[in-house]
């Protein structure tokens, strides 16, 4: 935040991300209320609207400790407009995905890398393995993505994306209804309608009118997007998607094909069979964004809740960052908590399904499930009920079992014995 000692007193002076401003919070809130009304945003216009308070969440597993700064935007004076922009950008994202799919079917270039779950990452990884085996692996993440993107870059990306989609739709308006958003040729009395220019103005407002308060001082965010803002994750994600789209679109088919096994979840990237991806990424993303490689020396790598290795054999197992912490983390509920008695076995069964979808090796699957059983029993849950839940999983998800080599009833019985009676 920028702190300076002055005559035995602390003065908050701001930094390159948060610039201290001499403005009255009530004036900012009144202006934001007018902006909300301009865009037809109703809802909470009461006196409890506030400038978001900046607070820090410690990263206790870092040495030395680091902090993640988040703005509590629950009662933010721009919350209504941010939610409206989020809905419009979410529609843009779906439209853009379909646009990129059409581009891929016509040119062979896979220009959309963003995913929303590790299941989609698994599909990319397994497709790469079955098509050409895995010869190299690179995982990396962006350092402080939310507070490193310059506002000019954000606007350039979102403006270009908006222009592309409006031109492709050949429509003049975005129609925002209660449950549906679409392009529209004309306006009517129902819902909200915005032109191309009005969408650009809305983006400008949400980015430029970002304020936070800390220790009774007001700061304006001059770089990046608000960590905790309603539209912030989608703004950052679409900016990265635009960089990737332009890089693939302007590349040759051969260059694009070398990147066909890449995918990204927000600020985490995995690239398969791409030589020196981190250096290559400098041609895709702006200089303001720094990629840090997380691939291990042996070529294995964590990505989301996956741990992938290909030497000597291709294996995928569950990765949990808390396993590497130097302190114990409580991951499961306790039996004497204020909840229904069936909740524990249900949580256990859902996690067994998740683990089975990830692991392609029976030993890794059984080790992770055994660890869950031991944790839940230590938390007071009945082992017999957990075994019953596991048996229900075995009968309902035989396809997942076959992927790990369990095909006979004797294999099922042996797996139960190893997990519950070892």
Protein backbone atom coordinates (compact mmCIF):
# COMPACT_ATOMS: atom_id res chain seq x y z
CA UNK A 1 0.00 0.00 0.00
CA UNK A 2 3.00 2.29 0.43
CA UNK A 3 3.97 3.29 3.98
CA UNK A 4 6.27 6.09 5.12
CA UNK A 5 7.47 6.98 8.63
CA UNK A 6 7.12 10.67 9.42
CA UNK A 7 8.04 11.93 12.90
CA UNK A 8 7.26 8.64 14.64
CA UNK A 9 3.95 8.36 12.76
CA UNK A 10 2.88 6.15 9.86
CA UNK A 11 1.75 7.85 6.67
CA UNK A 12 0.05 5.87 3.92
CA UNK A 13 1.31 7.33 0.66
CA UNK A 14 0.20 4.68 -1.85
CA UNK A 15 2.22 2.91 -4.54
CA UNK A 16 2.18 2.27 -8.29
CA UNK A 17 -1.02 0.20 -8.00
CA UNK A 18 -2.96 2.15 -5.36
CA UNK A 19 -2.61 5.92 -5.57
CA UNK A 20 -3.81 7.92 -2.58
CA UNK A 21 -6.43 10.53 -3.49
CA UNK A 22 -7.86 13.45 -1.55
CA UNK A 23 -11.51 12.74 -2.20
CA UNK A 24 -14.51 12.45 0.06
CA UNK A 25 -16.08 8.99 0.13
CA UNK A 26 -19.61 10.43 0.03
CA UNK A 27 -18.79 12.34 -3.18
CA UNK A 28 -17.45 9.18 -4.82
CA UNK A 29 -20.49 7.16 -3.75
CA UNK A 30 -22.93 9.83 -5.00
CA UNK A 31 -21.15 9.85 -8.37
CA UNK A 32 -21.29 6.06 -8.53
CA UNK A 33 -25.02 6.13 -7.81
CA UNK A 34 -25.49 8.40 -10.83
CA UNK A 35 -23.42 6.04 -12.96
CA UNK A 36 -25.53 3.08 -11.85
CA UNK A 37 -28.68 4.98 -12.79
CA UNK A 38 -27.20 5.95 -16.17
CA UNK A 39 -26.88 2.28 -17.10
CA UNK A 40 -30.28 1.33 -15.71
CA UNK A 41 -28.92 -0.49 -12.68
CA UNK A 42 -31.52 -0.58 -9.93
CA UNK A 43 -31.12 -2.38 -6.65
CA UNK A 44 -29.14 -1.25 -3.66
CA UNK A 45 -28.87 2.54 -3.86
CA UNK A 46 -29.16 2.97 -0.10
CA UNK A 47 -26.87 4.73 2.35
CA UNK A 48 -25.02 1.50 3.24
CA UNK A 49 -23.08 1.64 -0.06
CA UNK A 50 -19.38 1.96 0.70
CA UNK A 51 -15.94 2.24 -0.82
CA UNK A 52 -14.53 -1.33 -0.65
CA UNK A 53 -12.16 -1.94 2.26
CA UNK A 54 -8.79 -3.46 1.39
CA UNK A 55 -7.69 -6.34 3.62
CA UNK A 56 -4.94 -8.93 3.47
CA UNK A 57 -5.08 -12.73 3.64
CA UNK A 58 -1.76 -14.21 4.80
CA UNK A 59 -0.09 -16.96 2.77
CA UNK A 60 1.17 -18.95 5.73
CA UNK A 61 2.86 -21.58 3.57
CA UNK A 62 5.26 -19.02 2.07
CA UNK A 63 8.67 -18.35 3.62
CA UNK A 64 8.77 -15.51 4.41
CA UNK A 65 5.04 -14.94 4.73
CA UNK A 66 3.33 -13.13 1.87
CA UNK A 67 -0.11 -11.56 1.59
CA UNK A 68 -2.94 -11.57 -0.90
CA UNK A 69 -4.74 -8.22 -0.88
CA UNK A 70 -8.48 -8.36 -1.48
CA UNK A 71 -11.14 -5.65 -1.52
CA UNK A 72 -14.40 -6.51 0.21
CA UNK A 73 -16.88 -5.50 -2.48
CA UNK A 74 -20.12 -6.78 -0.93
CA UNK A 75 -21.47 -3.24 -0.40
CA UNK A 76 -19.35 -1.55 -3.07
CA UNK A 77 -20.87 1.56 -4.60
CA UNK A 78 -20.23 0.09 -8.08
CA UNK A 79 -21.42 -3.43 -7.30
CA UNK A 80 -24.58 -3.17 -9.41
CA UNK A 81 -22.71 -1.96 -12.47
CA UNK A 82 -19.94 -4.52 -11.96
CA UNK A 83 -22.50 -7.34 -11.87
CA UNK A 84 -24.10 -6.01 -15.06
CA UNK A 85 -20.72 -5.90 -16.79
CA UNK A 86 -19.95 -9.41 -15.52
CA UNK A 87 -23.15 -10.75 -17.10
CA UNK A 88 -22.36 -9.08 -20.42
CA UNK A 89 -18.75 -10.32 -20.42
CA UNK A 90 -19.93 -13.84 -19.53
CA UNK A 91 -22.12 -13.72 -22.64
CA UNK A 92 -19.18 -12.42 -24.66
CA UNK A 93 -17.06 -15.30 -23.41
CA UNK A 94 -19.59 -17.93 -24.58
CA UNK A 95 -19.94 -16.20 -27.94
CA UNK A 96 -16.14 -15.97 -28.28
CA UNK A 97 -15.72 -19.68 -27.48
CA UNK A 98 -18.11 -20.56 -30.32
CA UNK A 99 -16.31 -18.13 -32.63
CA UNK A 100 -12.97 -19.81 -31.86
CA UNK A 101 -14.46 -23.28 -32.38
CA UNK A 102 -15.61 -22.22 -35.84
CA UNK A 103 -12.15 -20.80 -36.54
CA UNK A 104 -10.56 -24.11 -35.51
CA UNK A 105 -12.90 -26.16 -37.70
CA UNK A 106 -12.06 -24.00 -40.71
CA UNK A 107 -8.34 -23.37 -40.22
CA UNK A 108 -7.12 -26.07 -37.82
CA UNK A 109 -5.92 -23.39 -35.36
CA UNK A 110 -6.98 -23.84 -31.73
CA UNK A 111 -7.16 -20.24 -30.54
CA UNK A 112 -9.07 -20.54 -27.25
CA UNK A 113 -7.06 -21.93 -24.33
CA UNK A 114 -9.14 -21.01 -21.29
CA UNK A 115 -10.73 -23.82 -19.25
CA UNK A 116 -12.97 -23.74 -16.19
CA UNK A 117 -12.11 -27.02 -14.46
CA UNK A 118 -9.40 -29.64 -14.09
CA UNK A 119 -11.67 -32.08 -15.95
CA UNK A 120 -11.14 -30.02 -19.10
CA UNK A 121 -7.40 -30.00 -18.39
CA UNK A 122 -7.50 -33.80 -18.15
CA UNK A 123 -9.11 -33.97 -21.58
CA UNK A 124 -6.30 -31.87 -23.08
CA UNK A 125 -3.60 -33.92 -21.34
CA UNK A 126 -5.06 -37.29 -22.32
CA UNK A 127 -5.67 -36.15 -25.89
CA UNK A 128 -2.03 -35.12 -26.17
CA UNK A 129 -0.90 -38.47 -24.75
CA UNK A 130 -3.04 -40.54 -27.12
CA UNK A 131 -2.20 -38.46 -30.22
CA UNK A 132 1.56 -38.18 -29.90
CA UNK A 133 2.66 -39.25 -26.40
CA UNK A 134 4.06 -36.69 -23.97
CA UNK A 135 7.64 -35.70 -24.68
CA UNK A 136 7.82 -32.50 -22.61
CA UNK A 137 5.72 -30.72 -20.04
CA UNK A 138 5.67 -27.14 -18.79
CA UNK A 139 3.46 -25.58 -16.14
CA UNK A 140 3.68 -21.95 -15.10
CA UNK A 141 1.66 -19.16 -13.58
CA UNK A 142 1.51 -15.39 -13.78
CA UNK A 143 2.93 -13.43 -10.88
CA UNK A 144 0.22 -11.12 -9.43
CA UNK A 145 -1.95 -11.07 -12.55
CA UNK A 146 -4.71 -8.87 -11.10
CA UNK A 147 -2.42 -5.96 -10.20
CA UNK A 148 0.02 -6.09 -13.11
CA UNK A 149 -2.17 -5.50 -16.16
CA UNK A 150 -2.04 -1.82 -17.18
CA UNK A 151 -5.43 -0.20 -17.70
CA UNK A 152 -4.50 0.66 -21.28
CA UNK A 153 -3.88 -3.03 -22.00
CA UNK A 154 -7.14 -4.12 -20.38
CA UNK A 155 -9.14 -1.63 -22.39
CA UNK A 156 -7.32 -2.45 -25.62
CA UNK A 157 -8.17 -6.16 -25.24
CA UNK A 158 -11.79 -5.73 -24.15
CA UNK A 159 -12.49 -3.05 -26.76
CA UNK A 160 -11.05 -5.24 -29.53
CA UNK A 161 -13.02 -8.27 -28.33
CA UNK A 162 -16.24 -6.24 -28.14
CA UNK A 163 -15.65 -4.89 -31.64
CA UNK A 164 -15.02 -8.37 -33.04
CA UNK A 165 -18.18 -9.83 -31.52
CA UNK A 166 -20.45 -6.94 -32.53
CA UNK A 167 -19.17 -7.13 -36.10
CA UNK A 168 -19.60 -10.89 -36.20
CA UNK A 169 -23.17 -10.66 -34.87
CA UNK A 170 -24.13 -7.93 -37.38
CA UNK A 171 -26.46 -6.52 -34.70
CA UNK A 172 -26.59 -3.04 -33.18
CA UNK A 173 -27.49 -3.81 -29.56
CA UNK A 174 -26.83 -6.07 -26.63
CA UNK A 175 -30.13 -7.04 -25.01
CA UNK A 176 -29.94 -7.72 -21.26
CA UNK A 177 -33.02 -9.43 -19.90
CA UNK A 178 -33.61 -10.94 -16.49
CA UNK A 179 -32.23 -14.36 -17.40
CA UNK A 180 -31.07 -13.99 -21.02
CA UNK A 181 -28.45 -11.84 -22.80
CA UNK A 182 -28.14 -11.75 -26.58
CA UNK A 183 -27.38 -9.52 -29.55
CA UNK A 184 -30.41 -7.68 -30.90
CA UNK A 185 -31.27 -5.75 -34.05
CA UNK A 186 -33.60 -3.34 -32.26
CA UNK A 187 -34.81 -2.17 -28.85
CA UNK A 188 -38.13 -2.65 -27.10
CA UNK A 189 -39.59 -1.77 -23.71
CA UNK A 190 -38.39 -4.94 -21.96
CA UNK A 191 -34.98 -5.19 -20.33
CA UNK A 192 -31.87 -3.10 -20.99
CA UNK A 193 -30.24 -2.40 -24.35
CA UNK A 194 -26.70 -1.18 -24.97
CA UNK A 195 -24.88 -0.11 -28.09
CA UNK A 196 -21.26 -0.94 -28.88
CA UNK A 197 -20.14 2.47 -27.63
CA UNK A 198 -22.15 2.14 -24.41
CA UNK A 199 -20.44 -1.17 -23.66
CA UNK A 200 -17.05 0.50 -24.11
CA UNK A 201 -18.12 3.33 -21.80
CA UNK A 202 -19.26 0.80 -19.19
CA UNK A 203 -15.87 -0.94 -19.32
CA UNK A 204 -14.17 2.43 -18.89
CA UNK A 205 -16.26 3.24 -15.84
CA UNK A 206 -15.69 -0.07 -14.05
CA UNK A 207 -11.93 0.11 -14.64
CA UNK A 208 -11.38 3.82 -14.04
CA UNK A 209 -13.71 4.24 -11.05
CA UNK A 210 -12.02 1.66 -8.83
CA UNK A 211 -11.43 2.95 -5.31
CA UNK A 212 -10.50 1.21 -2.06
CA UNK A 213 -10.16 2.44 1.48
CA UNK A 214 -7.58 1.50 4.06
CA UNK A 215 -7.10 3.01 7.53
CA UNK A 216 -9.59 5.79 6.69
CA UNK A 217 -7.60 6.79 3.59
CA UNK A 218 -8.96 6.47 0.05
CA UNK A 219 -6.84 5.06 -2.80
CA UNK A 220 -7.54 4.78 -6.51
CA UNK A 221 -6.40 1.63 -8.30
CA UNK A 222 -4.36 2.76 -11.29
CA UNK A 223 -3.04 -0.62 -12.47
CA UNK A 224 -4.90 -3.90 -12.85
CA UNK A 225 -8.39 -4.83 -11.68
CA UNK A 226 -9.93 -4.96 -8.24
CA UNK A 227 -9.11 -8.21 -6.43
CA UNK A 228 -12.57 -9.08 -5.13
CA UNK A 229 -14.56 -7.16 -7.75
CA UNK A 230 -17.53 -8.92 -9.33
CA UNK A 231 -16.28 -8.59 -12.91
CA UNK A 232 -12.54 -8.74 -12.19
CA UNK A 233 -11.85 -12.48 -12.80
CA UNK A 234 -13.66 -12.39 -16.13
CA UNK A 235 -11.93 -9.17 -17.19
CA UNK A 236 -8.51 -10.70 -16.52
CA UNK A 237 -9.44 -14.01 -18.16
CA UNK A 238 -10.76 -12.38 -21.33
CA UNK A 239 -7.66 -10.20 -21.63
CA UNK A 240 -5.43 -13.28 -21.57
CA UNK A 241 -7.78 -15.06 -23.99
CA UNK A 242 -7.47 -12.15 -26.41
CA UNK A 243 -3.66 -12.27 -26.31
CA UNK A 244 -3.77 -16.01 -27.01
CA UNK A 245 -6.34 -15.59 -29.78
CA UNK A 246 -4.30 -12.93 -31.57
CA UNK A 247 -1.07 -14.94 -31.25
CA UNK A 248 -2.66 -18.04 -32.77
CA UNK A 249 -4.60 -16.17 -35.42
CA UNK A 250 -1.49 -14.37 -36.69
CA UNK A 251 0.71 -17.48 -36.61
CA UNK A 252 1.22 -20.02 -39.36
CA UNK A 253 -0.65 -23.30 -39.20
CA UNK A 254 2.53 -25.13 -38.22
CA UNK A 255 3.21 -22.69 -35.38
CA UNK A 256 -0.38 -22.94 -34.19
CA UNK A 257 -0.25 -26.74 -34.20
CA UNK A 258 2.76 -26.74 -31.86
CA UNK A 259 0.53 -24.95 -29.28
CA UNK A 260 -2.56 -27.11 -29.70
CA UNK A 261 -1.99 -28.90 -26.39
CA UNK A 262 -1.93 -25.75 -24.24
CA UNK A 263 -4.63 -24.71 -21.80
CA UNK A 264 -5.02 -22.09 -19.08
CA UNK A 265 -7.10 -21.80 -15.93
CA UNK A 266 -7.04 -18.10 -15.00
CA UNK A 267 -3.34 -17.47 -14.29
CA UNK A 268 -2.15 -21.11 -14.45
CA UNK A 269 -0.93 -22.55 -17.76
CA UNK A 270 0.06 -26.02 -18.90
CA UNK A 271 1.86 -26.55 -22.22
CA UNK A 272 2.48 -30.06 -23.54
CA UNK A 273 5.14 -30.87 -26.14
CA UNK A 274 6.12 -27.21 -26.55
CA UNK A 275 9.85 -26.51 -26.46
CA UNK A 276 10.83 -23.57 -24.25
CA UNK A 277 7.27 -22.37 -23.69
CA UNK A 278 8.19 -19.67 -21.13
CA UNK A 279 10.34 -17.87 -23.71
CA UNK A 280 7.69 -18.37 -26.37
CA UNK A 281 5.10 -16.84 -24.04
CA UNK A 282 6.93 -13.49 -24.15
CA UNK A 283 5.64 -13.18 -27.73
CA UNK A 284 2.06 -13.92 -26.61
CA UNK A 285 1.62 -11.87 -23.44
CA UNK A 286 2.71 -8.29 -22.66
CA UNK A 287 5.92 -7.44 -20.83
CA UNK A 288 3.97 -6.38 -17.74
CA UNK A 289 3.03 -10.02 -17.07
CA UNK A 290 5.72 -12.30 -15.69
CA UNK A 291 5.47 -16.09 -16.01
CA UNK A 292 7.04 -18.28 -13.34
CA UNK A 293 7.66 -21.91 -14.28
CA UNK A 294 6.50 -24.55 -11.79
CA UNK A 295 7.72 -27.66 -13.63
CA UNK A 296 9.88 -29.96 -11.48
CA UNK A 297 13.44 -30.94 -12.42
CA UNK A 298 12.38 -34.47 -13.35
CA UNK A 299 9.83 -33.11 -15.85
CA UNK A 300 6.78 -33.78 -13.70
CA UNK A 301 4.48 -30.89 -12.85
CA UNK A 302 1.48 -29.88 -10.75
CA UNK A 303 -1.48 -28.20 -12.43
CA UNK A 304 -4.62 -27.29 -10.44
CA UNK A 305 -5.46 -30.50 -8.52
CA UNK A 306 -3.50 -32.70 -10.95
CA UNK A 307 0.06 -33.98 -10.75
CA UNK A 308 1.35 -35.19 -14.11
CA UNK A 309 4.48 -37.22 -14.79
CA UNK A 310 5.60 -38.96 -17.97
CA UNK A 311 8.97 -40.45 -17.03
CA UNK A 312 9.27 -43.41 -17.17
CA UNK A 313 5.49 -43.93 -17.47
CA UNK A 314 2.57 -41.58 -17.99
CA UNK A 315 0.81 -41.06 -14.65
CA UNK A 316 -1.77 -38.62 -13.33
CA UNK A 317 -2.56 -38.40 -9.64
CA UNK A 318 -4.25 -35.98 -7.28
CA UNK A 319 -2.24 -32.94 -6.24
CA UNK A 320 -3.10 -31.04 -3.07
CA UNK A 321 -0.96 -28.01 -2.33
CA UNK A 322 -1.57 -28.38 1.41
CA UNK A 323 0.35 -31.69 1.37
CA UNK A 324 3.51 -29.60 0.97
CA UNK A 325 2.77 -27.24 3.87
CA UNK A 326 4.94 -27.49 6.98
CA UNK A 327 1.85 -27.38 9.19
CA UNK A 328 -1.31 -29.47 9.39
CA UNK A 329 -4.41 -28.34 7.51
CA UNK A 330 -7.89 -29.53 8.52
CA UNK A 331 -9.57 -30.52 5.26
CA UNK A 332 -12.63 -32.46 6.40
CA UNK A 333 -15.60 -31.77 8.65
CA UNK A 334 -16.03 -33.34 12.10
CA UNK A 335 -18.74 -35.83 13.04
CA UNK A 336 -19.87 -33.71 16.01
CA UNK A 337 -20.40 -30.63 13.84
CA UNK A 338 -23.83 -29.08 13.52
CA UNK A 339 -24.85 -31.01 10.41
CA UNK A 340 -26.72 -34.11 9.31
CA UNK A 341 -25.05 -37.42 10.12
CA UNK A 342 -25.09 -38.42 6.43
CA UNK A 343 -23.00 -35.44 5.36
CA UNK A 344 -19.63 -37.08 6.11
CA UNK A 345 -20.16 -40.20 3.97
CA UNK A 346 -21.60 -38.05 1.17
CA UNK A 347 -18.56 -35.77 1.18
CA UNK A 348 -16.34 -38.85 1.20
CA UNK A 349 -18.14 -40.42 -1.77
CA UNK A 350 -17.97 -37.21 -3.80
CA UNK A 351 -14.23 -36.93 -3.16
CA UNK A 352 -13.70 -40.60 -4.11
CA UNK A 353 -15.40 -39.87 -7.45
CA UNK A 354 -13.13 -36.85 -8.00
CA UNK A 355 -10.00 -38.87 -7.18
CA UNK A 356 -11.08 -41.72 -9.46
CA UNK A 357 -11.60 -39.33 -12.37
CA UNK A 358 -8.08 -37.99 -11.95
CA UNK A 359 -5.94 -41.04 -11.15
CA UNK A 360 -4.93 -43.47 -13.89
CA UNK A 361 -3.01 -45.69 -11.47
CA UNK A 362 -4.73 -47.91 -8.89
CA UNK A 363 -2.00 -47.48 -6.27
CA UNK A 364 -2.31 -43.67 -6.30
CA UNK A 365 -6.09 -43.92 -6.11
CA UNK A 366 -6.01 -46.28 -3.12
CA UNK A 367 -3.38 -44.20 -1.29
CA UNK A 368 -5.46 -41.02 -1.59
CA UNK A 369 -8.71 -42.73 -0.56
CA UNK A 370 -6.98 -44.41 2.39
CA UNK A 371 -5.75 -41.00 3.54
CA UNK A 372 -9.32 -39.66 3.39
CA UNK A 373 -10.64 -42.63 5.38
CA UNK A 374 -8.03 -42.14 8.08
CA UNK A 375 -8.81 -38.42 8.31
CA UNK A 376 -12.57 -38.92 8.54
CA UNK A 377 -12.29 -41.73 11.11
CA UNK A 378 -10.01 -39.49 13.18
CA UNK A 379 -12.76 -36.84 12.97
CA UNK A 380 -15.27 -39.24 14.51
CA UNK A 381 -17.01 -40.79 11.50
CA UNK A 382 -18.02 -44.43 11.47
CA UNK A 383 -15.70 -46.54 9.34
CA UNK A 384 -18.47 -48.97 8.35
CA UNK A 385 -20.57 -46.14 6.92
CA UNK A 386 -17.59 -44.92 4.92
CA UNK A 387 -17.04 -48.44 3.59
CA UNK A 388 -20.72 -48.60 2.56
CA UNK A 389 -20.34 -45.26 0.70
CA UNK A 390 -17.24 -46.61 -1.02
CA UNK A 391 -19.11 -49.76 -2.04
CA UNK A 392 -21.86 -47.60 -3.55
CA UNK A 393 -19.21 -45.78 -5.57
CA UNK A 394 -17.78 -49.10 -6.80
CA UNK A 395 -21.15 -50.23 -8.08
CA UNK A 396 -22.11 -46.91 -9.69
CA UNK A 397 -18.84 -45.96 -11.41
CA UNK A 398 -17.53 -49.12 -13.02
CA UNK A 399 -16.25 -47.15 -16.02
CA UNK A 400 -13.84 -45.24 -13.79
CA UNK A 401 -12.71 -48.49 -12.20
CA UNK A 402 -11.87 -50.07 -15.54
CA UNK A 403 -9.59 -47.13 -16.28
CA UNK A 404 -7.51 -48.20 -13.27
CA UNK A 405 -7.54 -51.92 -14.09
CA UNK A 406 -10.38 -53.07 -11.80
CA UNK A 407 -12.51 -55.44 -13.89
CA UNK A 408 -13.36 -58.40 -11.65
CA UNK A 409 -15.26 -58.75 -8.36
CA UNK A 410 -12.08 -60.13 -6.82
CA UNK A 411 -10.29 -56.88 -7.78
CA UNK A 412 -13.05 -54.87 -6.06
CA UNK A 413 -12.80 -56.92 -2.88
CA UNK A 414 -9.02 -56.61 -2.85
CA UNK A 415 -9.25 -52.82 -3.25
CA UNK A 416 -11.71 -52.54 -0.33
CA UNK A 417 -9.42 -54.67 1.83
CA UNK A 418 -6.36 -52.55 1.03
CA UNK A 419 -8.18 -49.31 1.80
CA UNK A 420 -10.18 -50.22 4.90
CA UNK A 421 -8.29 -53.14 6.45
CA UNK A 422 -4.61 -52.55 5.74
